[in-house]
Amino acid sequence: MINGRESAGATHPADTPRPAAVIRLLDALAGLLAAGSVLVGVLLLIAALAAPAVLDAAGLGPADGPGWGRVIAQLAVGLAGEVVVSLRGKWAAPVRVAADLTVICSAVAVISWVWWS
């Protein structure tokens, strides 16, 4: 806006249509699962590094922690999900939905493998 007038070619948030409620819901769920996966992955990494020494020093015997495969899987899915979350705003609705569903399904699969197998 220049001197009370709009400049040519200016874009406003009102110019871009707001995504449908279902897409916003999928965006929120994918973002939550991606961020949570990164957080849990970091906590698992700390546990994998600290558990053997801490538990042995506490007299609870030897421990090996959660295992490197679980740590790497949790971190990889979380970081990949964060990349998708950061890039998806520019994508068309069908691609955005597919990306969100991929993040959600990947996170659920890794969570079920890491915690319940």
PDB file of N, CA and C in Angstrom:
ATOM      1  N   MET A   1       0.846  -1.155   0.000  1.00  0.00           N
ATOM      2  CA  MET A   1       0.000   0.000   0.000  1.00  0.00           C
ATOM      3  C   MET A   1       0.900   1.229   0.000  1.00  0.00           C
ATOM      4  N   ILE A   2       0.708   2.111  -0.952  1.00  0.00           N
ATOM      5  CA  ILE A   2       1.501   3.325  -1.072  1.00  0.00           C
ATOM      6  C   ILE A   2       0.543   4.510  -1.089  1.00  0.00           C
ATOM      7  N   ASN A   3       0.714   5.430  -0.150  1.00  0.00           N
ATOM      8  CA  ASN A   3      -0.143   6.614  -0.051  1.00  0.00           C
ATOM      9  C   ASN A   3      -1.628   6.261  -0.072  1.00  0.00           C
ATOM     10  N   GLY A   4      -1.999   5.248   0.650  1.00  0.00           N
ATOM     11  CA  GLY A   4      -3.406   4.873   0.715  1.00  0.00           C
ATOM     12  C   GLY A   4      -3.895   4.082  -0.472  1.00  0.00           C
ATOM     13  N   ARG A   5      -3.030   3.802  -1.421  1.00  0.00           N
ATOM     14  CA  ARG A   5      -3.416   3.025  -2.607  1.00  0.00           C
ATOM     15  C   ARG A   5      -2.676   1.705  -2.602  1.00  0.00           C
ATOM     16  N   GLU A   6      -3.310   0.712  -3.175  1.00  0.00           N
ATOM     17  CA  GLU A   6      -2.657  -0.583  -3.290  1.00  0.00           C
ATOM     18  C   GLU A   6      -1.709  -0.570  -4.469  1.00  0.00           C
ATOM     19  N   SER A   7      -0.549  -1.151  -4.267  1.00  0.00           N
ATOM     20  CA  SER A   7       0.392  -1.247  -5.373  1.00  0.00           C
ATOM     21  C   SER A   7      -0.031  -2.383  -6.295  1.00  0.00           C
ATOM     22  N   ALA A   8       0.328  -2.275  -7.542  1.00  0.00           N
ATOM     23  CA  ALA A   8      -0.039  -3.296  -8.525  1.00  0.00           C
ATOM     24  C   ALA A   8       0.643  -4.614  -8.188  1.00  0.00           C
ATOM     25  N   GLY A   9      -0.113  -5.693  -8.262  1.00  0.00           N
ATOM     26  CA  GLY A   9       0.439  -7.014  -8.033  1.00  0.00           C
ATOM     27  C   GLY A   9       0.594  -7.380  -6.575  1.00  0.00           C
ATOM     28  N   ALA A  10       0.102  -6.554  -5.675  1.00  0.00           N
ATOM     29  CA  ALA A  10       0.228  -6.871  -4.248  1.00  0.00           C
ATOM     30  C   ALA A  10      -0.667  -8.052  -3.906  1.00  0.00           C
ATOM     31  N   THR A  11      -0.152  -8.908  -3.095  1.00  0.00           N
ATOM     32  CA  THR A  11      -0.944 -10.044  -2.653  1.00  0.00           C
ATOM     33  C   THR A  11      -1.236  -9.899  -1.173  1.00  0.00           C
ATOM     34  N   HIS A  12      -2.399 -10.305  -0.790  1.00  0.00           N
ATOM     35  CA  HIS A  12      -2.828 -10.240   0.589  1.00  0.00           C
ATOM     36  C   HIS A  12      -3.250 -11.632   1.025  1.00  0.00           C
ATOM     37  N   PRO A  13      -3.198 -11.901   2.322  1.00  0.00           N
ATOM     38  CA  PRO A  13      -3.671 -13.205   2.772  1.00  0.00           C
ATOM     39  C   PRO A  13      -5.097 -13.484   2.323  1.00  0.00           C
ATOM     40  N   ALA A  14      -5.899 -12.439   2.148  1.00  0.00           N
ATOM     41  CA  ALA A  14      -7.275 -12.639   1.709  1.00  0.00           C
ATOM     42  C   ALA A  14      -7.348 -13.113   0.253  1.00  0.00           C
ATOM     43  N   ASP A  15      -6.270 -12.866  -0.510  1.00  0.00           N
ATOM     44  CA  ASP A  15      -6.243 -13.282  -1.909  1.00  0.00           C
ATOM     45  C   ASP A  15      -6.102 -14.792  -2.057  1.00  0.00           C
ATOM     46  N   THR A  16      -5.492 -15.438  -1.081  1.00  0.00           N
ATOM     47  CA  THR A  16      -5.306 -16.882  -1.163  1.00  0.00           C
ATOM     48  C   THR A  16      -6.444 -17.568  -0.426  1.00  0.00           C
ATOM     49  N   PRO A  17      -7.058 -18.554  -1.056  1.00  0.00           N
ATOM     50  CA  PRO A  17      -8.168 -19.236  -0.383  1.00  0.00           C
ATOM     51  C   PRO A  17      -7.681 -20.052   0.803  1.00  0.00           C
ATOM     52  N   ARG A  18      -8.489 -20.084   1.825  1.00  0.00           N
ATOM     53  CA  ARG A  18      -8.165 -20.860   3.020  1.00  0.00           C
ATOM     54  C   ARG A  18      -8.459 -22.331   2.730  1.00  0.00           C
ATOM     55  N   PRO A  19      -7.551 -23.229   3.136  1.00  0.00           N
ATOM     56  CA  PRO A  19      -7.789 -24.652   2.879  1.00  0.00           C
ATOM     57  C   PRO A  19      -9.048 -25.142   3.611  1.00  0.00           C
ATOM     58  N   ALA A  20      -9.615 -26.202   3.105  1.00  0.00           N
ATOM     59  CA  ALA A  20     -10.809 -26.786   3.716  1.00  0.00           C
ATOM     60  C   ALA A  20     -10.485 -27.274   5.126  1.00  0.00           C
ATOM     61  N   ALA A  21     -11.518 -27.430   5.924  1.00  0.00           N
ATOM     62  CA  ALA A  21     -11.346 -27.839   7.323  1.00  0.00           C
ATOM     63  C   ALA A  21     -10.657 -29.202   7.428  1.00  0.00           C
ATOM     64  N   VAL A  22     -10.965 -30.111   6.516  1.00  0.00           N
ATOM     65  CA  VAL A  22     -10.343 -31.439   6.552  1.00  0.00           C
ATOM     66  C   VAL A  22      -8.846 -31.335   6.309  1.00  0.00           C
ATOM     67  N   ILE A  23      -8.448 -30.478   5.388  1.00  0.00           N
ATOM     68  CA  ILE A  23      -7.029 -30.298   5.101  1.00  0.00           C
ATOM     69  C   ILE A  23      -6.333 -29.656   6.292  1.00  0.00           C
ATOM     70  N   ARG A  24      -6.969 -28.669   6.913  1.00  0.00           N
ATOM     71  CA  ARG A  24      -6.368 -28.044   8.097  1.00  0.00           C
ATOM     72  C   ARG A  24      -6.232 -29.047   9.231  1.00  0.00           C
ATOM     73  N   LEU A  25      -7.213 -29.935   9.378  1.00  0.00           N
ATOM     74  CA  LEU A  25      -7.147 -30.968  10.404  1.00  0.00           C
ATOM     75  C   LEU A  25      -5.992 -31.938  10.127  1.00  0.00           C
ATOM     76  N   LEU A  26      -5.871 -32.361   8.878  1.00  0.00           N
ATOM     77  CA  LEU A  26      -4.759 -33.249   8.505  1.00  0.00           C
ATOM     78  C   LEU A  26      -3.410 -32.547   8.681  1.00  0.00           C
ATOM     79  N   ASP A  27      -3.353 -31.259   8.327  1.00  0.00           N
ATOM     80  CA  ASP A  27      -2.123 -30.489   8.528  1.00  0.00           C
ATOM     81  C   ASP A  27      -1.732 -30.462  10.003  1.00  0.00           C
ATOM     82  N   ALA A  28      -2.711 -30.210  10.855  1.00  0.00           N
ATOM     83  CA  ALA A  28      -2.438 -30.132  12.291  1.00  0.00           C
ATOM     84  C   ALA A  28      -1.989 -31.477  12.842  1.00  0.00           C
ATOM     85  N   LEU A  29      -2.664 -32.545  12.448  1.00  0.00           N
ATOM     86  CA  LEU A  29      -2.308 -33.877  12.937  1.00  0.00           C
ATOM     87  C   LEU A  29      -0.925 -34.294  12.444  1.00  0.00           C
ATOM     88  N   ALA A  30      -0.640 -34.039  11.174  1.00  0.00           N
ATOM     89  CA  ALA A  30       0.676 -34.377  10.629  1.00  0.00           C
ATOM     90  C   ALA A  30       1.772 -33.565  11.324  1.00  0.00           C
ATOM     91  N   GLY A  31       1.522 -32.297  11.559  1.00  0.00           N
ATOM     92  CA  GLY A  31       2.491 -31.460  12.256  1.00  0.00           C
ATOM     93  C   GLY A  31       2.731 -31.917  13.682  1.00  0.00           C
ATOM     94  N   LEU A  32       1.656 -32.282  14.364  1.00  0.00           N
ATOM     95  CA  LEU A  32       1.772 -32.765  15.738  1.00  0.00           C
ATOM     96  C   LEU A  32       2.566 -34.072  15.794  1.00  0.00           C
ATOM     97  N   LEU A  33       2.256 -35.004  14.914  1.00  0.00           N
ATOM     98  CA  LEU A  33       2.965 -36.283  14.903  1.00  0.00           C
ATOM     99  C   LEU A  33       4.429 -36.128  14.490  1.00  0.00           C
ATOM    100  N   ALA A  34       4.705 -35.232  13.543  1.00  0.00           N
ATOM    101  CA  ALA A  34       6.093 -35.011  13.119  1.00  0.00           C
ATOM    102  C   ALA A  34       6.907 -34.411  14.262  1.00  0.00           C
ATOM    103  N   ALA A  35       6.373 -33.384  14.902  1.00  0.00           N
ATOM    104  CA  ALA A  35       7.096 -32.747  16.012  1.00  0.00           C
ATOM    105  C   ALA A  35       7.253 -33.708  17.187  1.00  0.00           C
ATOM    106  N   GLY A  36       6.197 -34.451  17.480  1.00  0.00           N
ATOM    107  CA  GLY A  36       6.270 -35.424  18.563  1.00  0.00           C
ATOM    108  C   GLY A  36       7.266 -36.531  18.280  1.00  0.00           C
ATOM    109  N   SER A  37       7.356 -36.943  17.034  1.00  0.00           N
ATOM    110  CA  SER A  37       8.320 -37.984  16.666  1.00  0.00           C
ATOM    111  C   SER A  37       9.752 -37.502  16.829  1.00  0.00           C
ATOM    112  N   VAL A  38       9.999 -36.249  16.470  1.00  0.00           N
ATOM    113  CA  VAL A  38      11.341 -35.693  16.665  1.00  0.00           C
ATOM    114  C   VAL A  38      11.662 -35.631  18.155  1.00  0.00           C
ATOM    115  N   LEU A  39      10.715 -35.154  18.947  1.00  0.00           N
ATOM    116  CA  LEU A  39      10.935 -35.052  20.393  1.00  0.00           C
ATOM    117  C   LEU A  39      11.201 -36.427  21.007  1.00  0.00           C
ATOM    118  N   VAL A  40      10.380 -37.402  20.675  1.00  0.00           N
ATOM    119  CA  VAL A  40      10.571 -38.751  21.214  1.00  0.00           C
ATOM    120  C   VAL A  40      11.892 -39.336  20.700  1.00  0.00           C
ATOM    121  N   GLY A  41      12.229 -39.072  19.453  1.00  0.00           N
ATOM    122  CA  GLY A  41      13.503 -39.555  18.920  1.00  0.00           C
ATOM    123  C   GLY A  41      14.701 -38.990  19.670  1.00  0.00           C
ATOM    124  N   VAL A  42      14.636 -37.712  20.007  1.00  0.00           N
ATOM    125  CA  VAL A  42      15.725 -37.099  20.775  1.00  0.00           C
ATOM    126  C   VAL A  42      15.794 -37.711  22.175  1.00  0.00           C
ATOM    127  N   LEU A  43      14.640 -37.924  22.798  1.00  0.00           N
ATOM    128  CA  LEU A  43      14.627 -38.551  24.123  1.00  0.00           C
ATOM    129  C   LEU A  43      15.156 -39.986  24.068  1.00  0.00           C
ATOM    130  N   LEU A  44      14.803 -40.716  23.022  1.00  0.00           N
ATOM    131  CA  LEU A  44      15.340 -42.072  22.854  1.00  0.00           C
ATOM    132  C   LEU A  44      16.844 -42.046  22.625  1.00  0.00           C
ATOM    133  N   LEU A  45      17.322 -41.047  21.886  1.00  0.00           N
ATOM    134  CA  LEU A  45      18.759 -40.903  21.658  1.00  0.00           C
ATOM    135  C   LEU A  45      19.486 -40.664  22.986  1.00  0.00           C
ATOM    136  N   ILE A  46      18.936 -39.795  23.806  1.00  0.00           N
ATOM    137  CA  ILE A  46      19.527 -39.544  25.124  1.00  0.00           C
ATOM    138  C   ILE A  46      19.503 -40.817  25.964  1.00  0.00           C
ATOM    139  N   ALA A  47      18.387 -41.538  25.920  1.00  0.00           N
ATOM    140  CA  ALA A  47      18.284 -42.790  26.679  1.00  0.00           C
ATOM    141  C   ALA A  47      19.285 -43.826  26.185  1.00  0.00           C
ATOM    142  N   ALA A  48      19.458 -43.908  24.868  1.00  0.00           N
ATOM    143  CA  ALA A  48      20.406 -44.881  24.315  1.00  0.00           C
ATOM    144  C   ALA A  48      21.833 -44.560  24.729  1.00  0.00           C
ATOM    145  N   LEU A  49      22.142 -43.289  24.834  1.00  0.00           N
ATOM    146  CA  LEU A  49      23.493 -42.898  25.223  1.00  0.00           C
ATOM    147  C   LEU A  49      23.711 -42.976  26.732  1.00  0.00           C
ATOM    148  N   ALA A  50      22.681 -42.647  27.503  1.00  0.00           N
ATOM    149  CA  ALA A  50      22.852 -42.540  28.955  1.00  0.00           C
ATOM    150  C   ALA A  50      22.442 -43.788  29.724  1.00  0.00           C
ATOM    151  N   ALA A  51      21.518 -44.560  29.218  1.00  0.00           N
ATOM    152  CA  ALA A  51      20.964 -45.683  29.986  1.00  0.00           C
ATOM    153  C   ALA A  51      22.006 -46.684  30.468  1.00  0.00           C
ATOM    154  N   PRO A  52      22.909 -47.118  29.624  1.00  0.00           N
ATOM    155  CA  PRO A  52      23.864 -48.119  30.117  1.00  0.00           C
ATOM    156  C   PRO A  52      24.668 -47.637  31.323  1.00  0.00           C
ATOM    157  N   ALA A  53      25.199 -46.436  31.254  1.00  0.00           N
ATOM    158  CA  ALA A  53      26.029 -45.925  32.349  1.00  0.00           C
ATOM    159  C   ALA A  53      25.193 -45.604  33.584  1.00  0.00           C
ATOM    160  N   VAL A  54      24.041 -44.988  33.400  1.00  0.00           N
ATOM    161  CA  VAL A  54      23.215 -44.570  34.539  1.00  0.00           C
ATOM    162  C   VAL A  54      22.664 -45.781  35.283  1.00  0.00           C
ATOM    163  N   LEU A  55      22.129 -46.733  34.569  1.00  0.00           N
ATOM    164  CA  LEU A  55      21.544 -47.895  35.235  1.00  0.00           C
ATOM    165  C   LEU A  55      22.608 -48.767  35.888  1.00  0.00           C
ATOM    166  N   ASP A  56      23.761 -48.868  35.258  1.00  0.00           N
ATOM    167  CA  ASP A  56      24.844 -49.643  35.855  1.00  0.00           C
ATOM    168  C   ASP A  56      25.364 -48.948  37.113  1.00  0.00           C
ATOM    169  N   ALA A  57      25.477 -47.622  37.065  1.00  0.00           N
ATOM    170  CA  ALA A  57      25.944 -46.869  38.231  1.00  0.00           C
ATOM    171  C   ALA A  57      24.930 -46.919  39.368  1.00  0.00           C
ATOM    172  N   ALA A  58      23.653 -47.047  39.048  1.00  0.00           N
ATOM    173  CA  ALA A  58      22.614 -47.115  40.074  1.00  0.00           C
ATOM    174  C   ALA A  58      22.512 -48.517  40.675  1.00  0.00           C
ATOM    175  N   GLY A  59      23.298 -49.448  40.158  1.00  0.00           N
ATOM    176  CA  GLY A  59      23.287 -50.802  40.691  1.00  0.00           C
ATOM    177  C   GLY A  59      22.150 -51.661  40.165  1.00  0.00           C
ATOM    178  N   LEU A  60      21.549 -51.228  39.068  1.00  0.00           N
ATOM    179  CA  LEU A  60      20.438 -51.985  38.487  1.00  0.00           C
ATOM    180  C   LEU A  60      20.913 -52.984  37.435  1.00  0.00           C
ATOM    181  N   GLY A  61      22.187 -53.070  37.240  1.00  0.00           N
ATOM    182  CA  GLY A  61      22.722 -54.032  36.287  1.00  0.00           C
ATOM    183  C   GLY A  61      22.911 -53.424  34.921  1.00  0.00           C
ATOM    184  N   PRO A  62      23.472 -54.204  34.021  1.00  0.00           N
ATOM    185  CA  PRO A  62      23.739 -53.686  32.675  1.00  0.00           C
ATOM    186  C   PRO A  62      22.434 -53.456  31.906  1.00  0.00           C
ATOM    187  N   ALA A  63      22.460 -52.453  31.050  1.00  0.00           N
ATOM    188  CA  ALA A  63      21.312 -52.135  30.189  1.00  0.00           C
ATOM    189  C   ALA A  63      21.856 -51.667  28.851  1.00  0.00           C
ATOM    190  N   ASP A  64      21.086 -51.866  27.811  1.00  0.00           N
ATOM    191  CA  ASP A  64      21.545 -51.431  26.496  1.00  0.00           C
ATOM    192  C   ASP A  64      20.706 -50.312  25.902  1.00  0.00           C
ATOM    193  N   GLY A  65      19.712 -49.827  26.623  1.00  0.00           N
ATOM    194  CA  GLY A  65      18.892 -48.729  26.109  1.00  0.00           C
ATOM    195  C   GLY A  65      17.873 -49.216  25.095  1.00  0.00           C
ATOM    196  N   PRO A  66      17.257 -48.276  24.376  1.00  0.00           N
ATOM    197  CA  PRO A  66      16.166 -48.639  23.468  1.00  0.00           C
ATOM    198  C   PRO A  66      16.615 -49.310  22.173  1.00  0.00           C
ATOM    199  N   GLY A  67      17.857 -49.231  21.807  1.00  0.00           N
ATOM    200  CA  GLY A  67      18.340 -49.816  20.549  1.00  0.00           C
ATOM    201  C   GLY A  67      18.446 -48.763  19.465  1.00  0.00           C
ATOM    202  N   TRP A  68      19.534 -48.831  18.705  1.00  0.00           N
ATOM    203  CA  TRP A  68      19.797 -47.797  17.708  1.00  0.00           C
ATOM    204  C   TRP A  68      18.810 -47.801  16.554  1.00  0.00           C
ATOM    205  N   GLY A  69      18.295 -48.959  16.188  1.00  0.00           N
ATOM    206  CA  GLY A  69      17.315 -49.008  15.095  1.00  0.00           C
ATOM    207  C   GLY A  69      16.064 -48.218  15.419  1.00  0.00           C
ATOM    208  N   ARG A  70      15.602 -48.339  16.642  1.00  0.00           N
ATOM    209  CA  ARG A  70      14.405 -47.604  17.068  1.00  0.00           C
ATOM    210  C   ARG A  70      14.664 -46.105  17.143  1.00  0.00           C
ATOM    211  N   VAL A  71      15.832 -45.746  17.614  1.00  0.00           N
ATOM    212  CA  VAL A  71      16.183 -44.326  17.715  1.00  0.00           C
ATOM    213  C   VAL A  71      16.246 -43.701  16.327  1.00  0.00           C
ATOM    214  N   ILE A  72      16.950 -44.358  15.421  1.00  0.00           N
ATOM    215  CA  ILE A  72      17.119 -43.821  14.072  1.00  0.00           C
ATOM    216  C   ILE A  72      15.788 -43.765  13.331  1.00  0.00           C
ATOM    217  N   ALA A  73      14.957 -44.798  13.469  1.00  0.00           N
ATOM    218  CA  ALA A  73      13.648 -44.802  12.801  1.00  0.00           C
ATOM    219  C   ALA A  73      12.776 -43.656  13.303  1.00  0.00           C
ATOM    220  N   GLN A  74      12.739 -43.453  14.604  1.00  0.00           N
ATOM    221  CA  GLN A  74      11.916 -42.394  15.179  1.00  0.00           C
ATOM    222  C   GLN A  74      12.394 -41.021  14.705  1.00  0.00           C
ATOM    223  N   LEU A  75      13.706 -40.800  14.736  1.00  0.00           N
ATOM    224  CA  LEU A  75      14.255 -39.520  14.282  1.00  0.00           C
ATOM    225  C   LEU A  75      14.055 -39.307  12.782  1.00  0.00           C
ATOM    226  N   ALA A  76      14.263 -40.345  11.992  1.00  0.00           N
ATOM    227  CA  ALA A  76      14.135 -40.210  10.534  1.00  0.00           C
ATOM    228  C   ALA A  76      12.709 -39.856  10.127  1.00  0.00           C
ATOM    229  N   VAL A  77      11.738 -40.549  10.701  1.00  0.00           N
ATOM    230  CA  VAL A  77      10.340 -40.257  10.361  1.00  0.00           C
ATOM    231  C   VAL A  77       9.955 -38.866  10.846  1.00  0.00           C
ATOM    232  N   GLY A  78      10.396 -38.513  12.035  1.00  0.00           N
ATOM    233  CA  GLY A  78      10.079 -37.183  12.564  1.00  0.00           C
ATOM    234  C   GLY A  78      10.683 -36.067  11.731  1.00  0.00           C
ATOM    235  N   LEU A  79      11.942 -36.203  11.360  1.00  0.00           N
ATOM    236  CA  LEU A  79      12.600 -35.159  10.564  1.00  0.00           C
ATOM    237  C   LEU A  79      12.019 -35.092   9.148  1.00  0.00           C
ATOM    238  N   ALA A  80      11.734 -36.237   8.547  1.00  0.00           N
ATOM    239  CA  ALA A  80      11.100 -36.234   7.218  1.00  0.00           C
ATOM    240  C   ALA A  80       9.717 -35.583   7.299  1.00  0.00           C
ATOM    241  N   GLY A  81       8.989 -35.878   8.358  1.00  0.00           N
ATOM    242  CA  GLY A  81       7.685 -35.253   8.550  1.00  0.00           C
ATOM    243  C   GLY A  81       7.787 -33.750   8.709  1.00  0.00           C
ATOM    244  N   GLU A  82       8.808 -33.280   9.412  1.00  0.00           N
ATOM    245  CA  GLU A  82       9.001 -31.839   9.570  1.00  0.00           C
ATOM    246  C   GLU A  82       9.330 -31.170   8.240  1.00  0.00           C
ATOM    247  N   VAL A  83      10.075 -31.852   7.383  1.00  0.00           N
ATOM    248  CA  VAL A  83      10.372 -31.304   6.058  1.00  0.00           C
ATOM    249  C   VAL A  83       9.078 -31.169   5.256  1.00  0.00           C
ATOM    250  N   VAL A  84       8.247 -32.191   5.293  1.00  0.00           N
ATOM    251  CA  VAL A  84       6.961 -32.142   4.581  1.00  0.00           C
ATOM    252  C   VAL A  84       6.098 -31.020   5.135  1.00  0.00           C
ATOM    253  N   VAL A  85       6.037 -30.900   6.449  1.00  0.00           N
ATOM    254  CA  VAL A  85       5.212 -29.859   7.082  1.00  0.00           C
ATOM    255  C   VAL A  85       5.689 -28.471   6.665  1.00  0.00           C
ATOM    256  N   SER A  86       6.992 -28.281   6.565  1.00  0.00           N
ATOM    257  CA  SER A  86       7.494 -26.955   6.207  1.00  0.00           C
ATOM    258  C   SER A  86       7.284 -26.616   4.728  1.00  0.00           C
ATOM    259  N   LEU A  87       7.202 -27.621   3.871  1.00  0.00           N
ATOM    260  CA  LEU A  87       7.065 -27.378   2.433  1.00  0.00           C
ATOM    261  C   LEU A  87       5.629 -27.412   1.919  1.00  0.00           C
ATOM    262  N   ARG A  88       4.719 -28.005   2.634  1.00  0.00           N
ATOM    263  CA  ARG A  88       3.392 -28.298   2.090  1.00  0.00           C
ATOM    264  C   ARG A  88       2.516 -27.088   1.823  1.00  0.00           C
ATOM    265  N   GLY A  89       2.800 -25.936   2.379  1.00  0.00           N
ATOM    266  CA  GLY A  89       1.956 -24.757   2.190  1.00  0.00           C
ATOM    267  C   GLY A  89       1.832 -24.315   0.746  1.00  0.00           C
ATOM    268  N   LYS A  90       2.816 -24.638  -0.070  1.00  0.00           N
ATOM    269  CA  LYS A  90       2.821 -24.223  -1.478  1.00  0.00           C
ATOM    270  C   LYS A  90       2.207 -25.263  -2.411  1.00  0.00           C
ATOM    271  N   TRP A  91       1.824 -26.400  -1.870  1.00  0.00           N
ATOM    272  CA  TRP A  91       1.352 -27.498  -2.695  1.00  0.00           C
ATOM    273  C   TRP A  91      -0.159 -27.427  -2.920  1.00  0.00           C
ATOM    274  N   ALA A  92      -0.595 -28.032  -4.004  1.00  0.00           N
ATOM    275  CA  ALA A  92      -2.025 -28.123  -4.295  1.00  0.00           C
ATOM    276  C   ALA A  92      -2.693 -29.036  -3.269  1.00  0.00           C
ATOM    277  N   ALA A  93      -4.002 -28.881  -3.112  1.00  0.00           N
ATOM    278  CA  ALA A  93      -4.743 -29.608  -2.078  1.00  0.00           C
ATOM    279  C   ALA A  93      -4.576 -31.129  -2.154  1.00  0.00           C
ATOM    280  N   PRO A  94      -4.701 -31.776  -3.333  1.00  0.00           N
ATOM    281  CA  PRO A  94      -4.551 -33.235  -3.360  1.00  0.00           C
ATOM    282  C   PRO A  94      -3.156 -33.705  -2.949  1.00  0.00           C
ATOM    283  N   VAL A  95      -2.136 -32.971  -3.354  1.00  0.00           N
ATOM    284  CA  VAL A  95      -0.764 -33.324  -2.984  1.00  0.00           C
ATOM    285  C   VAL A  95      -0.562 -33.112  -1.481  1.00  0.00           C
ATOM    286  N   ARG A  96      -1.143 -32.048  -0.984  1.00  0.00           N
ATOM    287  CA  ARG A  96      -1.042 -31.734   0.445  1.00  0.00           C
ATOM    288  C   ARG A  96      -1.692 -32.822   1.288  1.00  0.00           C
ATOM    289  N   VAL A  97      -2.857 -33.274   0.870  1.00  0.00           N
ATOM    290  CA  VAL A  97      -3.553 -34.350   1.591  1.00  0.00           C
ATOM    291  C   VAL A  97      -2.725 -35.631   1.548  1.00  0.00           C
ATOM    292  N   ALA A  98      -2.196 -35.966   0.381  1.00  0.00           N
ATOM    293  CA  ALA A  98      -1.368 -37.171   0.259  1.00  0.00           C
ATOM    294  C   ALA A  98      -0.120 -37.078   1.142  1.00  0.00           C
ATOM    295  N   ALA A  99       0.512 -35.917   1.175  1.00  0.00           N
ATOM    296  CA  ALA A  99       1.703 -35.733   2.009  1.00  0.00           C
ATOM    297  C   ALA A  99       1.353 -35.854   3.488  1.00  0.00           C
ATOM    298  N   ASP A 100       0.249 -35.224   3.894  1.00  0.00           N
ATOM    299  CA  ASP A 100      -0.181 -35.314   5.288  1.00  0.00           C
ATOM    300  C   ASP A 100      -0.481 -36.757   5.678  1.00  0.00           C
ATOM    301  N   LEU A 101      -1.200 -37.472   4.808  1.00  0.00           N
ATOM    302  CA  LEU A 101      -1.530 -38.865   5.115  1.00  0.00           C
ATOM    303  C   LEU A 101      -0.274 -39.737   5.170  1.00  0.00           C
ATOM    304  N   THR A 102       0.705 -39.444   4.333  1.00  0.00           N
ATOM    305  CA  THR A 102       1.965 -40.189   4.374  1.00  0.00           C
ATOM    306  C   THR A 102       2.687 -39.958   5.694  1.00  0.00           C
ATOM    307  N   VAL A 103       2.733 -38.706   6.138  1.00  0.00           N
ATOM    308  CA  VAL A 103       3.376 -38.390   7.419  1.00  0.00           C
ATOM    309  C   VAL A 103       2.637 -39.082   8.562  1.00  0.00           C
ATOM    310  N   ILE A 104       1.312 -39.008   8.552  1.00  0.00           N
ATOM    311  CA  ILE A 104       0.512 -39.615   9.618  1.00  0.00           C
ATOM    312  C   ILE A 104       0.701 -41.125   9.660  1.00  0.00           C
ATOM    313  N   CYS A 105       0.597 -41.775   8.512  1.00  0.00           N
ATOM    314  CA  CYS A 105       0.753 -43.242   8.465  1.00  0.00           C
ATOM    315  C   CYS A 105       2.170 -43.668   8.844  1.00  0.00           C
ATOM    316  N   SER A 106       3.175 -42.931   8.389  1.00  0.00           N
ATOM    317  CA  SER A 106       4.564 -43.259   8.738  1.00  0.00           C
ATOM    318  C   SER A 106       4.796 -43.115  10.236  1.00  0.00           C
ATOM    319  N   ALA A 107       4.283 -42.044  10.816  1.00  0.00           N
ATOM    320  CA  ALA A 107       4.467 -41.825  12.251  1.00  0.00           C
ATOM    321  C   ALA A 107       3.769 -42.903  13.063  1.00  0.00           C
ATOM    322  N   VAL A 108       2.554 -43.254  12.687  1.00  0.00           N
ATOM    323  CA  VAL A 108       1.817 -44.302  13.412  1.00  0.00           C
ATOM    324  C   VAL A 108       2.538 -45.645  13.277  1.00  0.00           C
ATOM    325  N   ALA A 109       3.051 -45.955  12.093  1.00  0.00           N
ATOM    326  CA  ALA A 109       3.772 -47.215  11.897  1.00  0.00           C
ATOM    327  C   ALA A 109       5.034 -47.272  12.755  1.00  0.00           C
ATOM    328  N   VAL A 110       5.793 -46.188  12.785  1.00  0.00           N
ATOM    329  CA  VAL A 110       7.020 -46.175  13.584  1.00  0.00           C
ATOM    330  C   VAL A 110       6.690 -46.214  15.074  1.00  0.00           C
ATOM    331  N   ILE A 111       5.686 -45.482  15.490  1.00  0.00           N
ATOM    332  CA  ILE A 111       5.296 -45.509  16.908  1.00  0.00           C
ATOM    333  C   ILE A 111       4.890 -46.919  17.322  1.00  0.00           C
ATOM    334  N   SER A 112       4.109 -47.584  16.496  1.00  0.00           N
ATOM    335  CA  SER A 112       3.677 -48.934  16.851  1.00  0.00           C
ATOM    336  C   SER A 112       4.865 -49.898  16.874  1.00  0.00           C
ATOM    337  N   TRP A 113       5.816 -49.734  15.959  1.00  0.00           N
ATOM    338  CA  TRP A 113       6.993 -50.613  15.957  1.00  0.00           C
ATOM    339  C   TRP A 113       7.901 -50.319  17.145  1.00  0.00           C
ATOM    340  N   VAL A 114       8.166 -49.055  17.400  1.00  0.00           N
ATOM    341  CA  VAL A 114       9.096 -48.672  18.457  1.00  0.00           C
ATOM    342  C   VAL A 114       8.552 -49.042  19.839  1.00  0.00           C
ATOM    343  N   TRP A 115       7.262 -48.826  20.055  1.00  0.00           N
ATOM    344  CA  TRP A 115       6.726 -48.964  21.405  1.00  0.00           C
ATOM    345  C   TRP A 115       6.040 -50.296  21.668  1.00  0.00           C
ATOM    346  N   TRP A 116       5.513 -50.956  20.654  1.00  0.00           N
ATOM    347  CA  TRP A 116       4.714 -52.150  20.911  1.00  0.00           C
ATOM    348  C   TRP A 116       5.230 -53.415  20.247  1.00  0.00           C
ATOM    349  N   SER A 117       6.475 -53.441  19.870  1.00  0.00           N
ATOM    350  CA  SER A 117       6.997 -54.697  19.299  1.00  0.00           C
ATOM    351  C   SER A 117       8.166 -55.201  20.097  1.00  0.00           C
TER     352      SER A 117
END
